């Protein structure tokens, strides 16, 4: 069995500001572009909307109903700082 890379990533809803850290893992062996991405632990208030083995396609739903990609570019308002 192949080893898995594990890391945490902050999820933050741009609609309501709710945030938390997801514990994720993916395969060390990335044959044919398949990362075998998995969210091992989703923070409270977030649900998997459209699960995928590709983190760029994995969609998350916040408790407020807003949907967003797991891997997204975060945009802050001018002069804004991460919360």
Protein backbone atom coordinates (compact mmCIF):
# COMPACT_ATOMS: atom_id res chain seq x y z
CA UNK A 1 0.00 0.00 0.00
CA UNK A 2 1.33 3.40 -0.95
CA UNK A 3 2.00 6.00 1.72
CA UNK A 4 -0.19 9.11 1.86
CA UNK A 5 0.76 12.75 2.27
CA UNK A 6 -1.33 14.37 5.03
CA UNK A 7 -1.93 18.06 5.64
CA UNK A 8 -4.43 20.60 6.96
CA UNK A 9 -6.09 23.30 4.90
CA UNK A 10 -8.19 26.20 6.13
CA UNK A 11 -11.68 26.40 4.67
CA UNK A 12 -13.28 29.83 4.77
CA UNK A 13 -16.68 30.80 3.41
CA UNK A 14 -16.53 34.09 1.52
CA UNK A 15 -20.28 34.53 2.08
CA UNK A 16 -20.54 34.36 5.90
CA UNK A 17 -16.91 34.12 7.11
CA UNK A 18 -17.34 30.70 8.76
CA UNK A 19 -14.01 28.87 8.86
CA UNK A 20 -12.31 25.70 10.04
CA UNK A 21 -9.46 23.35 9.19
CA UNK A 22 -9.94 20.24 7.05
CA UNK A 23 -7.60 17.28 7.50
CA UNK A 24 -6.81 15.84 4.07
CA UNK A 25 -4.61 13.22 2.46
CA UNK A 26 -3.50 12.26 -1.02
CA UNK A 27 -1.40 9.50 -2.52
CA UNK A 28 2.37 9.95 -2.75
CA UNK A 29 2.28 8.05 -6.05
CA UNK A 30 0.53 10.25 -8.59
CA UNK A 31 0.30 8.01 -11.64
CA UNK A 32 -1.53 9.49 -14.58
CA UNK A 33 -2.40 12.63 -12.63
CA UNK A 34 -4.57 10.74 -10.12
CA UNK A 35 -3.85 12.24 -6.69
CA UNK A 36 -6.40 10.02 -4.86
CA UNK A 37 -7.39 13.08 -2.81
CA UNK A 38 -9.57 12.55 0.30
CA UNK A 39 -10.87 14.76 3.07
CA UNK A 40 -10.33 12.67 6.19
CA UNK A 41 -11.95 15.13 8.59
CA UNK A 42 -14.26 18.00 7.58
CA UNK A 43 -14.66 20.90 10.07
CA UNK A 44 -18.07 21.45 11.67
CA UNK A 45 -20.40 23.54 9.52
CA UNK A 46 -19.02 22.28 6.18
CA UNK A 47 -20.24 19.39 4.01
CA UNK A 48 -18.95 17.71 0.86
CA UNK A 49 -21.19 18.93 -1.97
CA UNK A 50 -19.49 17.19 -4.92
CA UNK A 51 -16.66 14.89 -3.76
CA UNK A 52 -13.82 14.26 -6.20
CA UNK A 53 -10.38 12.64 -6.22
CA UNK A 54 -9.11 15.96 -7.63
CA UNK A 55 -8.98 18.80 -5.04
CA UNK A 56 -9.53 21.39 -7.81
CA UNK A 57 -12.94 19.81 -8.54
CA UNK A 58 -13.99 18.99 -4.94
CA UNK A 59 -16.92 21.22 -3.97
CA UNK A 60 -17.74 22.15 -0.36
CA UNK A 61 -20.99 23.57 1.05
CA UNK A 62 -20.97 25.91 4.05
CA UNK A 63 -23.67 25.92 6.73
CA UNK A 64 -25.03 29.13 5.16
CA UNK A 65 -25.60 27.30 1.85
CA UNK A 66 -22.71 28.87 -0.09
CA UNK A 67 -20.78 26.42 -2.33
CA UNK A 68 -17.09 26.77 -3.20
CA UNK A 69 -14.14 24.73 -4.44
CA UNK A 70 -11.82 23.09 -1.90
CA UNK A 71 -8.80 24.58 -3.71
CA UNK A 72 -9.73 28.16 -4.44
CA UNK A 73 -7.93 31.41 -4.85
CA UNK A 74 -8.76 33.61 -1.90
CA UNK A 75 -9.54 37.21 -2.72
CA UNK A 76 -9.59 39.80 0.04
CA UNK A 77 -11.08 43.27 -0.25
CA UNK A 78 -8.61 46.16 -0.64
CA UNK A 79 -6.83 46.62 2.70
CA UNK A 80 -8.40 43.42 3.99
CA UNK A 81 -6.46 40.83 5.91
CA UNK A 82 -7.13 37.13 6.43
CA UNK A 83 -9.34 36.54 9.46
